[in-house]
C-alpha atoms as a PDB file:
ATOM      1  CA  UNK A   1      73.420 111.667 109.578  1.00  0.00           C
ATOM      2  CA  UNK A   2      77.118 112.417 109.076  1.00  0.00           C
ATOM      3  CA  UNK A   3      79.369 109.863 110.841  1.00  0.00           C
ATOM      4  CA  UNK A   4      81.195 111.169 113.895  1.00  0.00           C
ATOM      5  CA  UNK A   5      84.442 109.396 113.077  1.00  0.00           C
ATOM      6  CA  UNK A   6      84.682 111.034 109.671  1.00  0.00           C
ATOM      7  CA  UNK A   7      84.398 114.517 111.192  1.00  0.00           C
ATOM      8  CA  UNK A   8      87.113 113.639 113.699  1.00  0.00           C
ATOM      9  CA  UNK A   9      89.320 112.420 110.837  1.00  0.00           C
ATOM     10  CA  UNK A  10      88.747 115.577 108.796  1.00  0.00           C
ATOM     11  CA  UNK A  11      89.561 117.763 111.799  1.00  0.00           C
ATOM     12  CA  UNK A  12      92.822 115.871 112.257  1.00  0.00           C
ATOM     13  CA  UNK A  13      93.640 116.377 108.568  1.00  0.00           C
ATOM     14  CA  UNK A  14      93.237 120.125 109.042  1.00  0.00           C
ATOM     15  CA  UNK A  15      95.625 119.986 112.004  1.00  0.00           C
ATOM     16  CA  UNK A  16      93.466 120.125 115.120  1.00  0.00           C
ATOM     17  CA  UNK A  17      94.679 118.151 118.126  1.00  0.00           C
ATOM     18  CA  UNK A  18      91.249 116.972 119.229  1.00  0.00           C
ATOM     19  CA  UNK A  19      87.663 117.086 117.999  1.00  0.00           C
ATOM     20  CA  UNK A  20      84.279 116.176 119.422  1.00  0.00           C
ATOM     21  CA  UNK A  21      80.641 116.572 118.435  1.00  0.00           C
ATOM     22  CA  UNK A  22      77.478 117.384 120.370  1.00  0.00           C
ATOM     23  CA  UNK A  23      73.874 118.107 119.494  1.00  0.00           C
ATOM     24  CA  UNK A  24      72.953 121.799 119.357  1.00  0.00           C
ATOM     25  CA  UNK A  25      70.775 121.811 122.462  1.00  0.00           C
ATOM     26  CA  UNK A  26      69.783 124.486 124.951  1.00  0.00           C
ATOM     27  CA  UNK A  27      72.459 124.897 127.665  1.00  0.00           C
ATOM     28  CA  UNK A  28      70.160 124.515 130.668  1.00  0.00           C
ATOM     29  CA  UNK A  29      72.731 124.128 133.466  1.00  0.00           C
ATOM     30  CA  UNK A  30      74.895 126.920 132.116  1.00  0.00           C
ATOM     31  CA  UNK A  31      71.949 129.331 132.267  1.00  0.00           C
ATOM     32  CA  UNK A  32      71.961 129.105 136.044  1.00  0.00           C
ATOM     33  CA  UNK A  33      75.741 129.162 136.513  1.00  0.00           C
ATOM     34  CA  UNK A  34      76.440 131.954 134.044  1.00  0.00           C
ATOM     35  CA  UNK A  35      73.469 133.965 135.288  1.00  0.00           C
ATOM     36  CA  UNK A  36      74.733 133.767 138.875  1.00  0.00           C
ATOM     37  CA  UNK A  37      78.221 134.810 137.774  1.00  0.00           C
ATOM     38  CA  UNK A  38      76.836 137.880 136.022  1.00  0.00           C
ATOM     39  CA  UNK A  39      74.488 138.802 138.887  1.00  0.00           C
ATOM     40  CA  UNK A  40      77.406 138.834 141.328  1.00  0.00           C
ATOM     41  CA  UNK A  41      79.291 141.307 139.125  1.00  0.00           C
ATOM     42  CA  UNK A  42      82.157 138.902 138.530  1.00  0.00           C
ATOM     43  CA  UNK A  43      82.320 140.026 134.878  1.00  0.00           C
ATOM     44  CA  UNK A  44      83.631 143.422 136.109  1.00  0.00           C
ATOM     45  CA  UNK A  45      83.715 146.028 133.296  1.00  0.00           C
ATOM     46  CA  UNK A  46      83.161 143.420 130.577  1.00  0.00           C
ATOM     47  CA  UNK A  47      79.596 144.570 129.922  1.00  0.00           C
ATOM     48  CA  UNK A  48      79.459 142.571 126.687  1.00  0.00           C
ATOM     49  CA  UNK A  49      79.404 139.397 128.778  1.00  0.00           C
ATOM     50  CA  UNK A  50      75.985 140.326 130.129  1.00  0.00           C
ATOM     51  CA  UNK A  51      74.546 140.972 126.669  1.00  0.00           C
ATOM     52  CA  UNK A  52      72.966 138.359 124.387  1.00  0.00           C
ATOM     53  CA  UNK A  53      72.331 136.023 127.318  1.00  0.00           C
ATOM     54  CA  UNK A  54      69.780 133.816 125.556  1.00  0.00           C
ATOM     55  CA  UNK A  55      71.945 133.667 122.433  1.00  0.00           C
ATOM     56  CA  UNK A  56      74.791 132.237 124.508  1.00  0.00           C
ATOM     57  CA  UNK A  57      72.540 129.448 125.709  1.00  0.00           C
ATOM     58  CA  UNK A  58      70.653 128.593 122.515  1.00  0.00           C
ATOM     59  CA  UNK A  59      72.733 127.943 119.362  1.00  0.00           C
ATOM     60  CA  UNK A  60      69.660 128.190 117.114  1.00  0.00           C
ATOM     61  CA  UNK A  61      69.604 131.925 117.883  1.00  0.00           C
ATOM     62  CA  UNK A  62      73.088 132.220 116.329  1.00  0.00           C
ATOM     63  CA  UNK A  63      72.755 129.739 113.476  1.00  0.00           C
ATOM     64  CA  UNK A  64      69.180 129.236 112.208  1.00  0.00           C
ATOM     65  CA  UNK A  65      68.088 125.592 112.379  1.00  0.00           C
ATOM     66  CA  UNK A  66      71.309 124.629 114.169  1.00  0.00           C
ATOM     67  CA  UNK A  67      71.569 120.900 114.815  1.00  0.00           C
ATOM     68  CA  UNK A  68      75.221 120.217 115.566  1.00  0.00           C
ATOM     69  CA  UNK A  69      78.142 121.794 117.412  1.00  0.00           C
ATOM     70  CA  UNK A  70      81.612 120.579 116.413  1.00  0.00           C
ATOM     71  CA  UNK A  71      84.264 121.511 118.983  1.00  0.00           C
ATOM     72  CA  UNK A  72      87.998 121.462 118.252  1.00  0.00           C
ATOM     73  CA  UNK A  73      91.154 121.995 120.289  1.00  0.00           C
ATOM     74  CA  UNK A  74      94.575 123.289 119.277  1.00  0.00           C
ATOM     75  CA  UNK A  75      97.361 123.127 121.846  1.00  0.00           C
ATOM     76  CA  UNK A  76      99.583 126.125 122.470  1.00  0.00           C
ATOM     77  CA  UNK A  77     101.824 124.523 125.096  1.00  0.00           C
ATOM     78  CA  UNK A  78     105.431 125.332 124.266  1.00  0.00           C
ATOM     79  CA  UNK A  79     108.931 125.138 125.637  1.00  0.00           C
ATOM     80  CA  UNK A  80     109.702 127.764 128.280  1.00  0.00           C
ATOM     81  CA  UNK A  81     111.120 131.064 127.019  1.00  0.00           C
ATOM     82  CA  UNK A  82     112.340 134.040 129.028  1.00  0.00           C
ATOM     83  CA  UNK A  83     109.476 136.466 128.412  1.00  0.00           C
ATOM     84  CA  UNK A  84     106.993 134.315 130.324  1.00  0.00           C
ATOM     85  CA  UNK A  85     109.293 133.238 133.145  1.00  0.00           C
ATOM     86  CA  UNK A  86     110.613 136.583 134.448  1.00  0.00           C
ATOM     87  CA  UNK A  87     108.981 140.051 134.695  1.00  0.00           C
ATOM     88  CA  UNK A  88     107.534 141.695 132.739  1.00  0.00           C
ATOM     89  CA  UNK A  89     105.871 138.383 131.879  1.00  0.00           C
ATOM     90  CA  UNK A  90     103.625 137.656 128.888  1.00  0.00           C
ATOM     91  CA  UNK A  91     101.145 134.786 128.899  1.00  0.00           C
ATOM     92  CA  UNK A  92     102.019 131.810 126.712  1.00  0.00           C
ATOM     93  CA  UNK A  93      98.944 132.119 124.529  1.00  0.00           C
ATOM     94  CA  UNK A  94     100.006 135.594 123.402  1.00  0.00           C
ATOM     95  CA  UNK A  95     103.473 134.612 122.183  1.00  0.00           C
ATOM     96  CA  UNK A  96     102.490 134.048 118.591  1.00  0.00           C
ATOM     97  CA  UNK A  97     100.096 135.215 115.870  1.00  0.00           C
ATOM     98  CA  UNK A  98      96.557 136.062 116.938  1.00  0.00           C
ATOM     99  CA  UNK A  99      94.906 132.686 117.510  1.00  0.00           C
ATOM    100  CA  UNK A 100      91.504 133.955 116.368  1.00  0.00           C
ATOM    101  CA  UNK A 101      92.656 134.171 112.764  1.00  0.00           C
ATOM    102  CA  UNK A 102      94.691 130.963 112.847  1.00  0.00           C
ATOM    103  CA  UNK A 103      91.887 128.801 114.209  1.00  0.00           C
ATOM    104  CA  UNK A 104      89.124 130.450 112.216  1.00  0.00           C
ATOM    105  CA  UNK A 105      91.014 129.740 108.989  1.00  0.00           C
ATOM    106  CA  UNK A 106      91.407 126.123 110.091  1.00  0.00           C
ATOM    107  CA  UNK A 107      87.674 125.952 110.847  1.00  0.00           C
ATOM    108  CA  UNK A 108      86.902 127.349 107.384  1.00  0.00           C
ATOM    109  CA  UNK A 109      89.092 124.605 105.905  1.00  0.00           C
ATOM    110  CA  UNK A 110      87.243 121.993 107.958  1.00  0.00           C
ATOM    111  CA  UNK A 111      83.905 123.395 106.780  1.00  0.00           C
ATOM    112  CA  UNK A 112      85.101 123.211 103.186  1.00  0.00           C
ATOM    113  CA  UNK A 113      86.123 119.563 103.604  1.00  0.00           C
ATOM    114  CA  UNK A 114      82.736 118.725 105.128  1.00  0.00           C
ATOM    115  CA  UNK A 115      80.920 120.398 102.221  1.00  0.00           C
ATOM    116  CA  UNK A 116      83.117 118.666  99.649  1.00  0.00           C
ATOM    117  CA  UNK A 117      82.263 115.295 101.121  1.00  0.00           C
ATOM    118  CA  UNK A 118      78.691 115.689 102.347  1.00  0.00           C
ATOM    119  CA  UNK A 119      77.158 118.397 100.150  1.00  0.00           C
ATOM    120  CA  UNK A 120      75.309 121.537 101.195  1.00  0.00           C
ATOM    121  CA  UNK A 121      76.058 122.434 104.810  1.00  0.00           C
ATOM    122  CA  UNK A 122      75.323 125.810 106.355  1.00  0.00           C
ATOM    123  CA  UNK A 123      76.883 127.101 109.532  1.00  0.00           C
ATOM    124  CA  UNK A 124      79.328 129.456 111.182  1.00  0.00           C
ATOM    125  CA  UNK A 125      82.778 129.264 112.740  1.00  0.00           C
ATOM    126  CA  UNK A 126      83.433 130.670 116.206  1.00  0.00           C
ATOM    127  CA  UNK A 127      86.664 131.415 118.066  1.00  0.00           C
ATOM    128  CA  UNK A 128      86.213 133.361 121.284  1.00  0.00           C
ATOM    129  CA  UNK A 129      84.609 136.275 119.432  1.00  0.00           C
ATOM    130  CA  UNK A 130      80.842 135.748 119.642  1.00  0.00           C
ATOM    131  CA  UNK A 131      78.283 134.872 122.341  1.00  0.00           C
ATOM    132  CA  UNK A 132      79.211 131.177 122.372  1.00  0.00           C
ATOM    133  CA  UNK A 133      80.151 129.279 125.551  1.00  0.00           C
ATOM    134  CA  UNK A 134      83.083 127.418 124.027  1.00  0.00           C
ATOM    135  CA  UNK A 135      84.170 125.556 127.140  1.00  0.00           C
ATOM    136  CA  UNK A 136      80.651 124.273 127.803  1.00  0.00           C
ATOM    137  CA  UNK A 137      80.370 122.933 124.261  1.00  0.00           C
ATOM    138  CA  UNK A 138      83.819 121.338 124.472  1.00  0.00           C
ATOM    139  CA  UNK A 139      82.732 119.495 127.619  1.00  0.00           C
ATOM    140  CA  UNK A 140      79.527 118.298 125.924  1.00  0.00           C
ATOM    141  CA  UNK A 141      81.664 117.076 123.013  1.00  0.00           C
ATOM    142  CA  UNK A 142      83.729 114.922 125.371  1.00  0.00           C
ATOM    143  CA  UNK A 143      86.936 116.945 125.058  1.00  0.00           C
ATOM    144  CA  UNK A 144      87.545 117.411 128.775  1.00  0.00           C
ATOM    145  CA  UNK A 145      86.196 118.881 131.984  1.00  0.00           C
ATOM    146  CA  UNK A 146      86.146 122.299 133.639  1.00  0.00           C
ATOM    147  CA  UNK A 147      88.930 122.698 136.202  1.00  0.00           C
ATOM    148  CA  UNK A 148      88.656 124.641 139.423  1.00  0.00           C
ATOM    149  CA  UNK A 149      90.368 127.555 137.647  1.00  0.00           C
ATOM    150  CA  UNK A 150      87.423 127.516 135.167  1.00  0.00           C
ATOM    151  CA  UNK A 151      89.616 126.397 132.250  1.00  0.00           C
ATOM    152  CA  UNK A 152      88.846 123.391 130.082  1.00  0.00           C
ATOM    153  CA  UNK A 153      91.249 120.551 130.909  1.00  0.00           C
ATOM    154  CA  UNK A 154      91.961 117.806 128.385  1.00  0.00           C
ATOM    155  CA  UNK A 155      93.655 114.687 129.762  1.00  0.00           C
ATOM    156  CA  UNK A 156      96.304 114.711 126.997  1.00  0.00           C
ATOM    157  CA  UNK A 157      96.674 118.421 126.243  1.00  0.00           C
ATOM    158  CA  UNK A 158      96.042 119.993 129.644  1.00  0.00           C
ATOM    159  CA  UNK A 159      94.478 123.459 129.646  1.00  0.00           C
ATOM    160  CA  UNK A 160      96.907 125.187 127.279  1.00  0.00           C
ATOM    161  CA  UNK A 161      94.422 124.858 124.411  1.00  0.00           C
ATOM    162  CA  UNK A 162      92.537 127.143 122.069  1.00  0.00           C
ATOM    163  CA  UNK A 163      88.911 126.169 121.497  1.00  0.00           C
ATOM    164  CA  UNK A 164      86.923 126.615 118.305  1.00  0.00           C
ATOM    165  CA  UNK A 165      83.437 125.644 117.183  1.00  0.00           C
ATOM    166  CA  UNK A 166      81.497 124.994 114.006  1.00  0.00           C
ATOM    167  CA  UNK A 167      77.742 125.275 114.487  1.00  0.00           C
ATOM    168  CA  UNK A 168      76.006 123.518 111.594  1.00  0.00           C
ATOM    169  CA  UNK A 169      72.460 123.020 110.316  1.00  0.00           C
ATOM    170  CA  UNK A 170      73.001 119.302 109.609  1.00  0.00           C
ATOM    171  CA  UNK A 171      73.012 116.345 111.970  1.00  0.00           C
ATOM    172  CA  UNK A 172      76.361 114.823 112.838  1.00  0.00           C
ATOM    173  CA  UNK A 173      76.562 111.744 115.027  1.00  0.00           C
ATOM    174  CA  UNK A 174      77.371 112.998 118.562  1.00  0.00           C
ATOM    175  CA  UNK A 175      80.509 111.816 120.317  1.00  0.00           C
ATOM    176  CA  UNK A 176      78.432 110.608 123.278  1.00  0.00           C
ATOM    177  CA  UNK A 177      81.433 110.806 125.598  1.00  0.00           C
ATOM    178  CA  UNK A 178      81.325 112.304 129.074  1.00  0.00           C
ATOM    179  CA  UNK A 179      84.694 112.932 130.705  1.00  0.00           C
ATOM    180  CA  UNK A 180      84.482 112.889 134.515  1.00  0.00           C
ATOM    181  CA  UNK A 181      86.025 115.779 136.429  1.00  0.00           C
ATOM    182  CA  UNK A 182      89.506 114.544 137.347  1.00  0.00           C
ATOM    183  CA  UNK A 183      90.654 117.403 139.565  1.00  0.00           C
ATOM    184  CA  UNK A 184      89.761 115.419 142.685  1.00  0.00           C
ATOM    185  CA  UNK A 185      90.847 117.092 145.910  1.00  0.00           C
ATOM    186  CA  UNK A 186      93.563 119.145 144.210  1.00  0.00           C
ATOM    187  CA  UNK A 187      93.351 122.888 144.961  1.00  0.00           C
ATOM    188  CA  UNK A 188      96.733 123.985 143.574  1.00  0.00           C
ATOM    189  CA  UNK A 189      95.205 126.520 141.175  1.00  0.00           C
ATOM    190  CA  UNK A 190      93.073 128.081 143.915  1.00  0.00           C
ATOM    191  CA  UNK A 191      95.953 128.158 146.375  1.00  0.00           C
ATOM    192  CA  UNK A 192      98.419 129.638 143.877  1.00  0.00           C
ATOM    193  CA  UNK A 193      96.307 132.542 142.601  1.00  0.00           C
ATOM    194  CA  UNK A 194      98.173 135.605 143.917  1.00  0.00           C
ATOM    195  CA  UNK A 195      95.028 137.749 144.088  1.00  0.00           C
ATOM    196  CA  UNK A 196      92.476 135.208 145.305  1.00  0.00           C
ATOM    197  CA  UNK A 197      90.491 135.577 142.076  1.00  0.00           C
ATOM    198  CA  UNK A 198      89.287 131.946 142.176  1.00  0.00           C
ATOM    199  CA  UNK A 199      86.608 132.606 144.777  1.00  0.00           C
ATOM    200  CA  UNK A 200      85.127 129.115 144.500  1.00  0.00           C
ATOM    201  CA  UNK A 201      85.799 126.072 142.321  1.00  0.00           C
ATOM    202  CA  UNK A 202      85.104 127.019 138.682  1.00  0.00           C
ATOM    203  CA  UNK A 203      84.267 130.605 139.676  1.00  0.00           C
ATOM    204  CA  UNK A 204      86.500 133.565 138.788  1.00  0.00           C
ATOM    205  CA  UNK A 205      85.970 137.073 140.110  1.00  0.00           C
ATOM    206  CA  UNK A 206      87.319 139.063 137.164  1.00  0.00           C
ATOM    207  CA  UNK A 207      87.721 142.139 139.365  1.00  0.00           C
ATOM    208  CA  UNK A 208      90.650 140.337 141.002  1.00  0.00           C
ATOM    209  CA  UNK A 209      91.954 138.382 138.005  1.00  0.00           C
ATOM    210  CA  UNK A 210      95.355 139.524 136.721  1.00  0.00           C
ATOM    211  CA  UNK A 211      94.497 138.674 133.105  1.00  0.00           C
ATOM    212  CA  UNK A 212      91.438 140.896 133.323  1.00  0.00           C
ATOM    213  CA  UNK A 213      93.344 143.749 134.945  1.00  0.00           C
ATOM    214  CA  UNK A 214      96.225 143.878 132.458  1.00  0.00           C
ATOM    215  CA  UNK A 215      94.213 143.143 129.292  1.00  0.00           C
ATOM    216  CA  UNK A 216      90.486 143.762 129.518  1.00  0.00           C
ATOM    217  CA  UNK A 217      90.057 146.536 132.081  1.00  0.00           C
ATOM    218  CA  UNK A 218      89.500 149.804 130.226  1.00  0.00           C
ATOM    219  CA  UNK A 219      89.515 152.232 133.144  1.00  0.00           C
ATOM    220  CA  UNK A 220      92.930 153.115 134.660  1.00  0.00           C
ATOM    221  CA  UNK A 221      94.364 150.664 137.149  1.00  0.00           C
ATOM    222  CA  UNK A 222      94.651 151.808 140.746  1.00  0.00           C
ATOM    223  CA  UNK A 223      97.925 151.564 142.642  1.00  0.00           C
ATOM    224  CA  UNK A 224      96.484 148.591 144.482  1.00  0.00           C
ATOM    225  CA  UNK A 225      95.646 146.872 141.201  1.00  0.00           C
ATOM    226  CA  UNK A 226      99.135 147.497 139.833  1.00  0.00           C
ATOM    227  CA  UNK A 227     100.522 145.888 142.981  1.00  0.00           C
ATOM    228  CA  UNK A 228      98.409 142.782 142.299  1.00  0.00           C
ATOM    229  CA  UNK A 229      99.922 142.019 138.880  1.00  0.00           C
ATOM    230  CA  UNK A 230     102.714 139.834 140.289  1.00  0.00           C
ATOM    231  CA  UNK A 231     105.113 140.531 137.427  1.00  0.00           C
ATOM    232  CA  UNK A 232     102.613 139.910 134.606  1.00  0.00           C
ATOM    233  CA  UNK A 233     102.269 142.664 131.997  1.00  0.00           C
ATOM    234  CA  UNK A 234      99.903 140.726 129.675  1.00  0.00           C
ATOM    235  CA  UNK A 235      97.766 137.878 130.885  1.00  0.00           C
ATOM    236  CA  UNK A 236      98.673 135.450 133.666  1.00  0.00           C
ATOM    237  CA  UNK A 237      99.417 131.722 133.610  1.00  0.00           C
ATOM    238  CA  UNK A 238      99.865 131.111 137.337  1.00  0.00           C
ATOM    239  CA  UNK A 239      96.817 128.908 137.885  1.00  0.00           C
ATOM    240  CA  UNK A 240      97.726 126.863 134.819  1.00  0.00           C
ATOM    241  CA  UNK A 241     101.423 126.551 135.609  1.00  0.00           C
ATOM    242  CA  UNK A 242     100.709 124.692 138.856  1.00  0.00           C
ATOM    243  CA  UNK A 243      98.104 122.336 137.358  1.00  0.00           C
ATOM    244  CA  UNK A 244      99.347 118.716 137.410  1.00  0.00           C
ATOM    245  CA  UNK A 245      97.569 118.059 134.109  1.00  0.00           C
ATOM    246  CA  UNK A 246      99.696 120.717 132.417  1.00  0.00           C
ATOM    247  CA  UNK A 247     102.904 119.281 133.851  1.00  0.00           C
ATOM    248  CA  UNK A 248     102.399 116.132 131.784  1.00  0.00           C
ATOM    249  CA  UNK A 249     100.571 117.639 128.818  1.00  0.00           C
ATOM    250  CA  UNK A 250     101.925 116.982 125.341  1.00  0.00           C
ATOM    251  CA  UNK A 251     103.927 119.734 123.607  1.00  0.00           C
ATOM    252  CA  UNK A 252     102.780 120.188 120.018  1.00  0.00           C
ATOM    253  CA  UNK A 253     104.738 123.281 118.860  1.00  0.00           C
ATOM    254  CA  UNK A 254     102.387 124.067 115.983  1.00  0.00           C
ATOM    255  CA  UNK A 255     104.236 126.140 113.388  1.00  0.00           C
ATOM    256  CA  UNK A 256     101.230 128.384 112.731  1.00  0.00           C
ATOM    257  CA  UNK A 257     101.306 129.498 116.379  1.00  0.00           C
ATOM    258  CA  UNK A 258     105.030 130.248 116.439  1.00  0.00           C
ATOM    259  CA  UNK A 259     106.828 133.573 116.072  1.00  0.00           C
ATOM    260  CA  UNK A 260     110.616 133.683 115.881  1.00  0.00           C
ATOM    261  CA  UNK A 261     110.632 137.290 117.051  1.00  0.00           C
ATOM    262  CA  UNK A 262     108.409 136.608 120.064  1.00  0.00           C
ATOM    263  CA  UNK A 263     110.408 133.495 120.922  1.00  0.00           C
ATOM    264  CA  UNK A 264     113.506 135.669 121.197  1.00  0.00           C
ATOM    265  CA  UNK A 265     111.874 138.777 122.718  1.00  0.00           C
ATOM    266  CA  UNK A 266     113.701 140.095 125.789  1.00  0.00           C
ATOM    267  CA  UNK A 267     112.384 142.252 128.605  1.00  0.00           C
ATOM    268  CA  UNK A 268     114.800 145.011 127.629  1.00  0.00           C
ATOM    269  CA  UNK A 269     113.489 145.079 124.065  1.00  0.00           C
ATOM    270  CA  UNK A 270     109.907 145.328 125.250  1.00  0.00           C
ATOM    271  CA  UNK A 271     110.579 148.029 127.839  1.00  0.00           C
ATOM    272  CA  UNK A 272     112.447 150.240 125.361  1.00  0.00           C
ATOM    273  CA  UNK A 273     110.258 149.694 122.316  1.00  0.00           C
ATOM    274  CA  UNK A 274     108.831 152.815 120.580  1.00  0.00           C
ATOM    275  CA  UNK A 275     105.162 152.777 119.617  1.00  0.00           C
ATOM    276  CA  UNK A 276     105.635 152.482 115.864  1.00  0.00           C
ATOM    277  CA  UNK A 277     107.904 149.461 116.279  1.00  0.00           C
ATOM    278  CA  UNK A 278     105.460 147.878 118.741  1.00  0.00           C
ATOM    279  CA  UNK A 279     102.549 148.335 116.347  1.00  0.00           C
ATOM    280  CA  UNK A 280     104.565 146.877 113.489  1.00  0.00           C
ATOM    281  CA  UNK A 281     105.948 143.879 115.379  1.00  0.00           C
ATOM    282  CA  UNK A 282     102.832 143.018 117.353  1.00  0.00           C
ATOM    283  CA  UNK A 283     100.306 143.652 114.616  1.00  0.00           C
ATOM    284  CA  UNK A 284      97.993 140.629 114.386  1.00  0.00           C
ATOM    285  CA  UNK A 285      99.086 139.305 117.787  1.00  0.00           C
ATOM    286  CA  UNK A 286      96.991 139.163 120.978  1.00  0.00           C
ATOM    287  CA  UNK A 287      98.983 142.021 122.521  1.00  0.00           C
ATOM    288  CA  UNK A 288      97.191 144.496 120.263  1.00  0.00           C
ATOM    289  CA  UNK A 289      94.006 143.880 122.278  1.00  0.00           C
ATOM    290  CA  UNK A 290      95.534 145.836 125.152  1.00  0.00           C
ATOM    291  CA  UNK A 291      97.538 148.163 122.910  1.00  0.00           C
ATOM    292  CA  UNK A 292     100.904 149.855 123.186  1.00  0.00           C
ATOM    293  CA  UNK A 293     100.236 152.252 126.052  1.00  0.00           C
ATOM    294  CA  UNK A 294      98.695 149.669 128.369  1.00  0.00           C
ATOM    295  CA  UNK A 295     101.245 146.937 127.615  1.00  0.00           C
ATOM    296  CA  UNK A 296     104.305 149.149 127.966  1.00  0.00           C
ATOM    297  CA  UNK A 297     103.019 151.009 131.009  1.00  0.00           C
ATOM    298  CA  UNK A 298     102.190 147.715 132.703  1.00  0.00           C
ATOM    299  CA  UNK A 299     105.546 146.239 131.660  1.00  0.00           C
ATOM    300  CA  UNK A 300     107.399 149.138 133.273  1.00  0.00           C
ATOM    301  CA  UNK A 301     105.328 148.908 136.433  1.00  0.00           C
ATOM    302  CA  UNK A 302     105.893 145.161 136.765  1.00  0.00           C
ATOM    303  CA  UNK A 303     109.503 144.883 135.578  1.00  0.00           C
ATOM    304  CA  UNK A 304     110.844 145.162 139.111  1.00  0.00           C
ATOM    305  CA  UNK A 305     108.247 142.835 140.644  1.00  0.00           C
ATOM    306  CA  UNK A 306     108.049 139.085 140.475  1.00  0.00           C
END
């Protein structure tokens, strides 16, 4: 069995802020919770969320003979900049290169280090792009707890974190750490949500969620939905901004997540940007998920609202 501490050390060498390990078991509790969420239609138009249900719960259906799930965190908390403090606002996570590529490359490097040291290891890297319940695995690895806004909260990093996983066919000593839920009686995230999308602790109705409306929703937004955006043209950080754990979270400022252009982007630049310039500047950034027309249209509709 590969020692847990050595995996944690290798992850730190690669540059991850935190790392934990769990056995690749069936996610029994999540089957009920996720199934209820889907049955209530809270996934909205994200039909892909309802597909591959069993694969989401059983890692051996994704990686044959899976035995271990290594979870890693990379903080994206940063100093405040204008484009996410005044309309049209862009979520913090999107103000840099596309995190999928950044973290996946780091996971590949971690896999390479593991193979160099421990021999033949088979597995796959995952970053929010496959039927893997990343937050559930991070909790099982002892990296935090699920807040009432459904985000993973780490006691040192808060919830401004990207999550990645390596699912491997070798046994790694589990972290065997369970972090208790430390939200207590706090309901700041629920109370602050401008659309009431947090319908119960740890339950988001995507139909009301601003991040869903201005990124994921493919059908045209209604006038009512535009009025719900609260100044956000891409994503929404409201429920995270009020979280006490984020107030005291460490700022890491990872260079690989920084973009000088995005750090200096002004509302005026965004609102007046032609499509070819947008596609050139935002290529390989999260904003391309929504695309030029949706981002700019939403920016114009929200620029006078806060």
